[in-house]
């Protein structure tokens, strides 16, 4: 016996619940299956908990700098990790409960908790119960990659998930991976009071970014007391009296870094290995579901959304995946993945807001481009806030005068970048921004000045 639905959604991350409700409101009977926690990575081990902790780390840093602002604090600033974690847990649980109430209160939605596996292209089994549907949507997300490095099985290591459950502050946190996740956690725990060393295999941090951005981030974090080991080509691990020793093959410095805890932040893998996808759904060599520009898989009635499809590892791209699928199925609106511009943020302090091409990519494109750059120290609002690290940089097509990309590293960079992003979607000329009249005093008000002084990219 089986239960028939119009649609089955597997995974309650960012795309799954919104798609479920939209389909149900269109008159479909929909089953949403989640094997662990509602909300997926964002709510449980990603955006919600980490940015809540980043806020605590920012508060600690500002308290430590209080005297710079003329504020007197009577005693030494300390961090109570248990209270930090309790605050984080409340934010997560409130978000998870809100999602549950929304789904339970929507007519046509059946919420099931269990592990879904395909029996065929139209059949899914959940803990012994068989469900069938003409349309099936995968939104199963991903998890931290733990590679089979020498000695890794002989130690206890943290991932972006397990580090959120710590109840004691690491004496010395060794972060393996000098990219987005590793840098956010590294700065966070340094501000909480841990000694932090970040180990990166490459010659610089966040290698996706331009070299000047990478160097600026390294300089900022170094001034906060974070240690770095770059060019770590040959990693291995072993137990140590202080906790864990990480062997590195660097061009200079000691050959080994010993710490109390090790965080692995070196990549992600999709949660597709235990779904029974031998029903015909094609995967790439890394396990990501292969999809077309409208997120259809190799099986006509199955779609894949979110991190598991390899087309975007962000909450905002997952939500856009939902919008694309809903538009195509329900609205006769042929939206596509390639309609969107790549954009994201690094939530260190100061944050990095990014959209479109980097300067490096613009050079490699061979097209005629213009570039503008301004140090944050020239931005009045940043000076007033005492947050002058970083710079703003924009890339513009010299012929169309449309924006190609921007890197905003500095105060409110994660928000300021949206001024560029919105103009890119509007296909507007840079002159639109130059002629605008922004609010003073803000960080964004310097964008017209920056864009009014563009120079040829040589």
Protein backbone atom coordinates (compact mmCIF):
# COMPACT_ATOMS: atom_id res chain seq x y z
CA UNK A 1 0.00 0.00 0.00
CA UNK A 2 1.16 3.54 -0.69
CA UNK A 3 -0.10 7.08 -0.12
CA UNK A 4 -0.46 9.27 -3.17
CA UNK A 5 0.41 12.97 -3.28
CA UNK A 6 0.59 15.53 -6.04
CA UNK A 7 4.12 16.43 -4.99
CA UNK A 8 6.81 15.25 -2.58
CA UNK A 9 9.47 17.61 -1.26
CA UNK A 10 12.49 15.96 0.37
CA UNK A 11 14.32 18.31 2.71
CA UNK A 12 13.13 21.33 4.70
CA UNK A 13 15.97 23.76 4.02
CA UNK A 14 15.47 27.22 2.57
CA UNK A 15 13.78 26.14 -0.67
CA UNK A 16 11.71 23.17 0.52
CA UNK A 17 9.16 24.75 2.87
CA UNK A 18 8.50 27.76 0.63
CA UNK A 19 7.96 25.51 -2.38
CA UNK A 20 5.75 23.19 -0.33
CA UNK A 21 3.47 26.01 0.79
CA UNK A 22 3.33 27.55 -2.68
CA UNK A 23 2.33 24.22 -4.25
CA UNK A 24 -0.24 23.59 -1.52
CA UNK A 25 -1.81 27.02 -2.02
CA UNK A 26 -2.05 26.19 -5.73
CA UNK A 27 -4.32 23.28 -4.76
CA UNK A 28 -1.82 20.43 -4.60
CA UNK A 29 -1.53 17.82 -1.89
CA UNK A 30 2.10 17.95 -0.79
CA UNK A 31 4.26 15.84 1.53
CA UNK A 32 7.35 17.51 3.00
CA UNK A 33 9.89 15.08 4.44
CA UNK A 34 12.69 16.10 6.82
CA UNK A 35 14.92 13.60 8.57
CA UNK A 36 16.41 15.89 11.21
CA UNK A 37 15.72 19.58 11.83
CA UNK A 38 13.40 21.93 9.98
CA UNK A 39 15.22 24.84 8.39
CA UNK A 40 18.21 22.99 7.03
CA UNK A 41 21.75 24.34 7.22
CA UNK A 42 20.78 28.02 7.40
CA UNK A 43 18.60 27.75 10.48
CA UNK A 44 20.48 25.02 12.34
CA UNK A 45 24.19 25.07 11.54
CA UNK A 46 24.68 28.02 9.19
CA UNK A 47 23.39 31.57 8.98
CA UNK A 48 21.16 31.77 12.06
CA UNK A 49 23.50 30.36 14.70
CA UNK A 50 26.76 31.70 13.29
CA UNK A 51 25.57 35.25 12.70
CA UNK A 52 24.05 35.25 16.17
CA UNK A 53 27.47 34.30 17.54
CA UNK A 54 29.18 36.83 15.26
CA UNK A 55 26.96 39.47 16.90
CA UNK A 56 28.16 38.34 20.34
CA UNK A 57 31.76 38.48 19.13
CA UNK A 58 31.19 42.00 17.77
CA UNK A 59 29.74 43.08 21.11
CA UNK A 60 32.81 41.67 22.87
CA UNK A 61 35.14 43.50 20.51
CA UNK A 62 33.32 46.81 20.95
CA UNK A 63 33.42 46.38 24.73
CA UNK A 64 37.16 45.77 24.49
CA UNK A 65 37.50 48.98 22.43
CA UNK A 66 35.15 50.97 24.66
CA UNK A 67 37.85 53.38 25.86
CA UNK A 68 38.47 54.47 22.24
CA UNK A 69 34.92 55.85 22.22
CA UNK A 70 35.16 57.49 25.62
CA UNK A 71 33.16 54.75 27.31
CA UNK A 72 34.39 53.53 30.69
CA UNK A 73 33.84 49.91 31.68
CA UNK A 74 34.56 49.18 35.31
CA UNK A 75 36.08 45.72 34.99
CA UNK A 76 37.90 43.55 32.49
CA UNK A 77 35.72 42.42 29.59
CA UNK A 78 35.01 38.70 29.56
CA UNK A 79 32.87 36.31 27.51
CA UNK A 80 30.54 33.72 29.03
CA UNK A 81 30.46 31.08 26.31
CA UNK A 82 27.51 29.28 27.90
CA UNK A 83 25.39 32.43 27.63
CA UNK A 84 26.58 33.04 24.07
CA UNK A 85 25.50 29.52 23.16
CA UNK A 86 22.19 29.86 25.00
CA UNK A 87 21.39 33.00 23.04
CA UNK A 88 22.30 31.21 19.81
CA UNK A 89 20.13 28.22 20.75
CA UNK A 90 17.11 30.42 21.40
CA UNK A 91 17.40 32.11 18.02
CA UNK A 92 17.66 28.71 16.31
CA UNK A 93 14.81 27.09 18.22
CA UNK A 94 12.50 30.08 17.72
CA UNK A 95 13.16 29.99 13.98
CA UNK A 96 12.64 26.24 13.81
CA UNK A 97 9.38 26.44 15.76
CA UNK A 98 8.09 29.29 13.59
CA UNK A 99 8.73 27.17 10.53
CA UNK A 100 6.96 24.19 12.05
CA UNK A 101 3.89 26.28 12.92
CA UNK A 102 3.77 27.70 9.39
CA UNK A 103 3.87 24.27 7.78
CA UNK A 104 1.47 22.62 10.22
CA UNK A 105 -0.99 25.46 9.70
CA UNK A 106 -1.03 25.26 5.90
CA UNK A 107 -3.87 23.26 4.36
CA UNK A 108 -2.72 20.56 1.96
CA UNK A 109 0.68 20.08 3.61
CA UNK A 110 1.69 16.82 5.30
CA UNK A 111 4.90 17.20 7.32
CA UNK A 112 6.75 13.93 7.83
CA UNK A 113 9.88 13.36 9.92
CA UNK A 114 12.09 10.53 8.75
CA UNK A 115 14.69 9.41 6.25
CA UNK A 116 13.45 9.39 2.66
CA UNK A 117 14.81 6.94 0.08
CA UNK A 118 13.75 6.46 -3.52
CA UNK A 119 12.19 3.15 -4.53
CA UNK A 120 11.58 4.35 -8.08
CA UNK A 121 11.40 7.64 -9.96
CA UNK A 122 7.92 8.25 -8.51
CA UNK A 123 8.07 6.36 -5.20
CA UNK A 124 9.70 7.38 -1.93
CA UNK A 125 9.89 5.29 1.24
CA UNK A 126 9.99 6.98 4.64
CA UNK A 127 10.70 4.63 7.53
CA UNK A 128 8.63 1.86 5.93
CA UNK A 129 5.84 4.04 4.55
CA UNK A 130 5.65 4.40 0.77
CA UNK A 131 4.64 7.70 -0.84
CA UNK A 132 4.03 8.31 -4.54
CA UNK A 133 3.85 11.52 -6.54
CA UNK A 134 4.12 12.76 -10.11
CA UNK A 135 6.49 15.53 -9.00
CA UNK A 136 9.41 15.13 -6.58
CA UNK A 137 11.72 17.91 -5.39
CA UNK A 138 15.09 17.41 -3.70
CA UNK A 139 16.24 20.02 -1.18
CA UNK A 140 18.59 17.88 0.89
CA UNK A 141 21.48 20.32 1.36
CA UNK A 142 25.04 19.45 2.28
CA UNK A 143 27.44 18.96 5.17
CA UNK A 144 31.06 19.59 6.06
CA UNK A 145 33.65 17.70 4.07
CA UNK A 146 35.97 15.61 6.23
CA UNK A 147 38.67 14.35 3.87
CA UNK A 148 40.73 11.24 4.53
CA UNK A 149 43.91 13.08 5.48
CA UNK A 150 46.76 11.30 7.32
CA UNK A 151 45.93 10.87 11.00
CA UNK A 152 42.47 12.38 10.74
CA UNK A 153 40.86 9.25 12.21
CA UNK A 154 43.20 9.36 15.22
CA UNK A 155 41.95 12.72 16.51
CA UNK A 156 38.73 14.44 17.46
CA UNK A 157 38.04 17.33 15.09
CA UNK A 158 35.32 19.93 14.88
CA UNK A 159 33.18 20.91 11.89
CA UNK A 160 30.96 23.94 11.36
CA UNK A 161 28.16 21.92 13.03
CA UNK A 162 29.90 20.46 16.08
CA UNK A 163 31.73 23.67 16.99
CA UNK A 164 28.31 25.19 17.66
CA UNK A 165 27.87 22.75 20.54
CA UNK A 166 31.04 23.58 22.48
CA UNK A 167 30.49 24.26 26.18
CA UNK A 168 34.02 25.38 26.96
CA UNK A 169 36.16 27.95 25.20
CA UNK A 170 39.07 26.44 23.25
CA UNK A 171 42.44 27.47 24.64
CA UNK A 172 43.94 27.36 21.13
CA UNK A 173 41.67 26.80 18.14
CA UNK A 174 43.48 25.62 15.02
CA UNK A 175 41.36 26.28 11.94
CA UNK A 176 42.19 24.27 8.85
CA UNK A 177 40.91 26.27 5.89
CA UNK A 178 41.43 29.97 5.19
CA UNK A 179 38.19 30.68 3.40
CA UNK A 180 34.76 31.98 4.36
CA UNK A 181 33.69 29.55 7.11
CA UNK A 182 37.15 29.26 8.62
CA UNK A 183 37.71 33.02 8.78
CA UNK A 184 34.33 33.74 10.37
CA UNK A 185 34.85 31.15 13.11
CA UNK A 186 38.47 32.14 13.56
CA UNK A 187 37.71 35.80 14.22
CA UNK A 188 34.68 34.90 16.33
CA UNK A 189 36.60 32.66 18.73
CA UNK A 190 39.56 35.03 18.87
CA UNK A 191 37.16 37.71 20.10
CA UNK A 192 35.72 35.28 22.61
CA UNK A 193 39.22 34.85 24.05
CA UNK A 194 40.76 31.84 22.32
CA UNK A 195 44.17 31.83 20.74
CA UNK A 196 43.57 31.14 17.03
CA UNK A 197 45.78 29.89 14.22
CA UNK A 198 44.41 29.55 10.69
CA UNK A 199 46.11 27.09 8.33
CA UNK A 200 45.60 27.50 4.58
CA UNK A 201 46.89 25.22 1.84
CA UNK A 202 47.11 28.04 -0.69
CA UNK A 203 49.42 31.01 -0.83
CA UNK A 204 46.69 33.43 0.31
CA UNK A 205 43.31 33.55 2.02
CA UNK A 206 39.95 33.35 0.23
CA UNK A 207 41.59 32.59 -3.12
CA UNK A 208 38.34 33.32 -4.99
CA UNK A 209 38.84 37.01 -4.22
CA UNK A 210 41.31 39.49 -5.69
CA UNK A 211 44.77 39.53 -4.12
CA UNK A 212 44.28 42.98 -2.58
CA UNK A 213 41.10 41.76 -0.87
CA UNK A 214 42.86 38.64 0.44
CA UNK A 215 45.76 40.68 1.77
CA UNK A 216 43.52 43.24 3.43
CA UNK A 217 41.58 40.51 5.23
CA UNK A 218 44.81 38.89 6.41
CA UNK A 219 46.09 42.23 7.70
CA UNK A 220 42.83 42.96 9.54
CA UNK A 221 42.70 39.57 11.26
CA UNK A 222 46.42 39.58 12.04
CA UNK A 223 46.01 42.85 13.92
CA UNK A 224 43.45 41.11 16.13
CA UNK A 225 46.07 38.53 17.07
CA UNK A 226 45.14 35.65 14.77
CA UNK A 227 48.10 33.62 13.54
CA UNK A 228 48.35 32.31 9.97
CA UNK A 229 50.20 29.50 8.25
CA UNK A 230 49.93 29.69 4.47
CA UNK A 231 51.29 27.32 1.82
CA UNK A 232 50.40 24.35 4.03
CA UNK A 233 50.75 21.77 1.29
CA UNK A 234 51.04 18.57 3.30
CA UNK A 235 48.61 18.34 6.20
CA UNK A 236 48.56 15.53 8.74
CA UNK A 237 47.20 15.16 12.25
CA UNK A 238 48.14 13.39 15.47
CA UNK A 239 47.20 13.49 19.14
CA UNK A 240 49.25 15.88 21.26
CA UNK A 241 49.60 16.58 24.95
CA UNK A 242 47.79 19.89 24.46
CA UNK A 243 45.12 18.31 22.26
CA UNK A 244 45.92 17.96 18.56
CA UNK A 245 49.03 18.61 16.49
CA UNK A 246 48.68 19.59 12.84
CA UNK A 247 51.73 19.00 10.68
CA UNK A 248 52.18 21.49 7.85
CA UNK A 249 54.63 21.74 4.98
CA UNK A 250 55.10 25.48 4.83
CA UNK A 251 57.90 27.49 3.30
CA UNK A 252 58.74 29.07 6.63
CA UNK A 253 57.94 28.66 10.32
CA UNK A 254 57.65 25.66 12.59
CA UNK A 255 56.61 22.41 10.85
CA UNK A 256 53.82 21.72 13.35
CA UNK A 257 50.99 23.65 15.00
CA UNK A 258 49.62 22.27 18.26
CA UNK A 259 46.27 23.34 19.65
CA UNK A 260 43.54 22.29 22.03
CA UNK A 261 40.93 22.00 19.25
CA UNK A 262 40.95 21.64 15.47
CA UNK A 263 38.20 22.95 13.20
CA UNK A 264 38.02 21.56 9.66
CA UNK A 265 36.66 24.19 7.27
CA UNK A 266 37.84 22.95 3.90
CA UNK A 267 34.71 22.36 1.90
CA UNK A 268 31.23 20.86 1.71
CA UNK A 269 29.68 17.72 0.29
CA UNK A 270 26.05 17.15 -0.78
CA UNK A 271 23.67 14.95 1.20
CA UNK A 272 22.92 12.70 -1.76
CA UNK A 273 24.77 9.51 -0.86
CA UNK A 274 21.97 7.76 1.04
CA UNK A 275 18.81 8.68 -0.90
CA UNK A 276 18.70 5.75 -3.31
CA UNK A 277 19.25 8.01 -6.29
CA UNK A 278 20.10 5.04 -8.47
CA UNK A 279 16.50 5.59 -9.57
CA UNK A 280 18.17 7.35 -12.47
CA UNK A 281 19.02 10.80 -11.14
CA UNK A 282 22.42 11.75 -12.52
CA UNK A 283 25.11 12.98 -10.13
CA UNK A 284 28.46 14.54 -10.87
CA UNK A 285 31.74 13.13 -9.56
CA UNK A 286 31.35 15.03 -6.28
CA UNK A 287 27.81 13.77 -5.67
CA UNK A 288 25.94 16.95 -6.66
CA UNK A 289 22.68 16.43 -8.54
CA UNK A 290 23.06 17.48 -12.16
CA UNK A 291 20.36 19.95 -13.21
CA UNK A 292 19.53 22.11 -16.21
CA UNK A 293 18.98 25.85 -16.21
CA UNK A 294 15.50 25.39 -14.72
CA UNK A 295 16.65 22.88 -12.09
CA UNK A 296 15.25 19.75 -13.72
CA UNK A 297 17.29 16.60 -13.15
CA UNK A 298 17.95 13.82 -15.64
CA UNK A 299 14.58 12.34 -14.58
CA UNK A 300 11.71 14.46 -16.03
CA UNK A 301 9.56 14.55 -12.89
CA UNK A 302 12.37 15.25 -10.38
CA UNK A 303 13.91 18.65 -9.59
CA UNK A 304 16.84 19.54 -7.30
CA UNK A 305 17.07 22.80 -5.35
CA UNK A 306 19.60 24.34 -3.00
CA UNK A 307 23.11 23.25 -2.14
CA UNK A 308 22.67 19.67 -3.37
CA UNK A 309 22.54 20.79 -7.01
CA UNK A 310 25.95 22.48 -6.96
CA UNK A 311 24.55 25.68 -8.53
CA UNK A 312 24.88 27.77 -5.37
CA UNK A 313 25.87 27.15 -1.77
CA UNK A 314 23.93 30.01 -0.21
CA UNK A 315 20.56 30.52 1.43
CA UNK A 316 19.69 33.24 -1.06
CA UNK A 317 20.48 31.02 -4.07
CA UNK A 318 18.42 28.21 -2.56
CA UNK A 319 15.46 30.54 -2.14
CA UNK A 320 15.92 31.72 -5.71
CA UNK A 321 15.89 28.06 -6.79
CA UNK A 322 12.42 27.82 -5.23
CA UNK A 323 11.34 30.95 -7.11
CA UNK A 324 12.64 29.53 -10.40
CA UNK A 325 10.88 26.19 -9.99
CA UNK A 326 7.60 27.75 -8.83
CA UNK A 327 7.64 30.26 -11.68
CA UNK A 328 8.16 27.56 -14.29
CA UNK A 329 5.63 25.08 -12.90
CA UNK A 330 2.88 27.42 -11.70
CA UNK A 331 3.26 30.76 -13.46
CA UNK A 332 4.35 29.85 -16.99
CA UNK A 333 7.31 32.15 -16.33
CA UNK A 334 10.54 30.66 -17.75
CA UNK A 335 12.97 31.89 -15.08
CA UNK A 336 16.48 30.39 -15.16
CA UNK A 337 19.47 29.92 -12.88
CA UNK A 338 21.65 31.88 -15.30
CA UNK A 339 19.42 34.94 -14.84
CA UNK A 340 21.06 35.65 -11.50
CA UNK A 341 24.33 37.38 -10.70
CA UNK A 342 26.73 35.68 -8.30
CA UNK A 343 26.69 37.52 -4.98
CA UNK A 344 27.62 36.68 -1.40
CA UNK A 345 29.22 38.06 1.73
CA UNK A 346 32.01 37.14 4.11
CA UNK A 347 30.72 37.97 7.59
CA UNK A 348 33.97 38.86 9.26
CA UNK A 349 34.24 42.29 10.86
CA UNK A 350 34.42 44.29 8.72
CA UNK A 351 32.36 42.26 6.27
CA UNK A 352 33.02 41.74 2.58
CA UNK A 353 30.13 42.23 0.16
CA UNK A 354 30.67 40.75 -3.30
CA UNK A 355 28.77 40.75 -6.58
CA UNK A 356 29.67 39.81 -10.12
CA UNK A 357 33.20 39.87 -11.53
CA UNK A 358 36.37 40.38 -9.58
CA UNK A 359 39.10 42.63 -10.95
CA UNK A 360 41.06 39.50 -11.85
CA UNK A 361 38.15 38.06 -13.82
CA UNK A 362 37.63 41.36 -15.60
CA UNK A 363 41.27 41.37 -16.73
CA UNK A 364 40.99 37.78 -17.91
CA UNK A 365 37.83 38.55 -19.89
CA UNK A 366 39.79 40.71 -22.31
CA UNK A 367 37.04 43.33 -22.46
CA UNK A 368 37.43 47.08 -22.01
CA UNK A 369 36.71 47.85 -18.37
CA UNK A 370 36.80 50.72 -15.92
CA UNK A 371 37.75 50.46 -12.26
CA UNK A 372 37.18 52.61 -9.21
CA UNK A 373 38.62 52.17 -5.74
CA UNK A 374 38.25 54.10 -2.49
CA UNK A 375 39.74 53.41 0.94
CA UNK A 376 37.25 53.20 3.79
CA UNK A 377 39.38 55.73 5.65
CA UNK A 378 37.94 58.33 3.23
CA UNK A 379 34.35 57.45 4.16
CA UNK A 380 33.05 59.84 6.81
CA UNK A 381 30.58 57.38 8.30
CA UNK A 382 33.32 54.75 8.71
CA UNK A 383 35.56 57.32 10.41
CA UNK A 384 32.75 58.35 12.76
CA UNK A 385 32.17 54.71 13.68
CA UNK A 386 35.88 54.07 14.19
CA UNK A 387 35.75 51.32 11.56
CA UNK A 388 38.06 52.44 8.76
CA UNK A 389 39.57 49.11 7.66
CA UNK A 390 39.04 48.01 4.07
CA UNK A 391 38.10 49.60 0.76
CA UNK A 392 35.43 49.74 -1.95
CA UNK A 393 36.11 48.63 -5.52
CA UNK A 394 33.82 48.56 -8.56
CA UNK A 395 34.28 47.21 -12.09
CA UNK A 396 32.33 48.74 -15.00
CA UNK A 397 32.07 47.81 -18.68
CA UNK A 398 33.68 50.68 -20.60
CA UNK A 399 31.32 50.39 -23.57
CA UNK A 400 27.89 49.78 -22.00
CA UNK A 401 28.84 51.57 -18.76
CA UNK A 402 26.99 48.87 -16.85
CA UNK A 403 28.39 47.41 -13.65
CA UNK A 404 30.29 44.13 -13.95
CA UNK A 405 31.07 43.63 -10.28
CA UNK A 406 32.02 45.06 -6.92
CA UNK A 407 34.02 44.19 -3.80
CA UNK A 408 33.02 46.17 -0.71
CA UNK A 409 35.28 45.30 2.22
CA UNK A 410 34.51 47.54 5.14
CA UNK A 411 31.86 48.92 7.45
CA UNK A 412 28.42 47.67 6.31
CA UNK A 413 29.97 46.22 3.14
CA UNK A 414 27.45 43.37 3.18
CA UNK A 415 24.63 45.94 2.92
CA UNK A 416 26.29 48.60 0.76
CA UNK A 417 26.96 46.12 -2.05
CA UNK A 418 23.22 45.83 -2.71
CA UNK A 419 23.23 49.29 -4.25
CA UNK A 420 25.44 47.87 -7.00
CA UNK A 421 23.56 44.56 -7.17
CA UNK A 422 20.20 46.26 -7.73
CA UNK A 423 21.60 48.40 -10.55
CA UNK A 424 23.05 45.30 -12.20
CA UNK A 425 19.62 43.65 -12.27
CA UNK A 426 18.13 46.86 -13.64
CA UNK A 427 20.84 46.88 -16.36
CA UNK A 428 21.31 50.51 -15.41
CA UNK A 429 24.29 52.65 -16.35
CA UNK A 430 26.85 53.65 -13.76
CA UNK A 431 25.77 57.21 -14.53
CA UNK A 432 22.44 56.48 -12.82
CA UNK A 433 24.33 56.05 -9.58
CA UNK A 434 26.66 58.99 -10.21
CA UNK A 435 23.65 61.31 -10.61
CA UNK A 436 21.83 60.00 -7.52
CA UNK A 437 21.58 61.95 -4.26
CA UNK A 438 22.29 59.56 -1.37
CA UNK A 439 21.67 60.13 2.32
CA UNK A 440 24.41 61.68 4.46
CA UNK A 441 26.11 60.43 6.55
CA UNK A 442 26.18 56.84 5.29
CA UNK A 443 28.75 54.48 3.83
CA UNK A 444 26.71 54.18 0.64
CA UNK A 445 26.86 57.92 -0.01
CA UNK A 446 30.45 57.57 -1.28
CA UNK A 447 29.44 55.20 -4.11
CA UNK A 448 28.52 58.07 -6.50
CA UNK A 449 31.86 59.75 -5.76
CA UNK A 450 33.70 56.49 -6.31
CA UNK A 451 31.88 55.85 -9.58
CA UNK A 452 32.45 59.39 -10.78
CA UNK A 453 36.20 58.82 -10.79
CA UNK A 454 36.56 55.61 -12.78
CA UNK A 455 39.81 54.86 -14.57
CA UNK A 456 40.64 52.42 -17.38
CA UNK A 457 41.56 48.97 -16.10
CA UNK A 458 45.10 48.40 -17.36
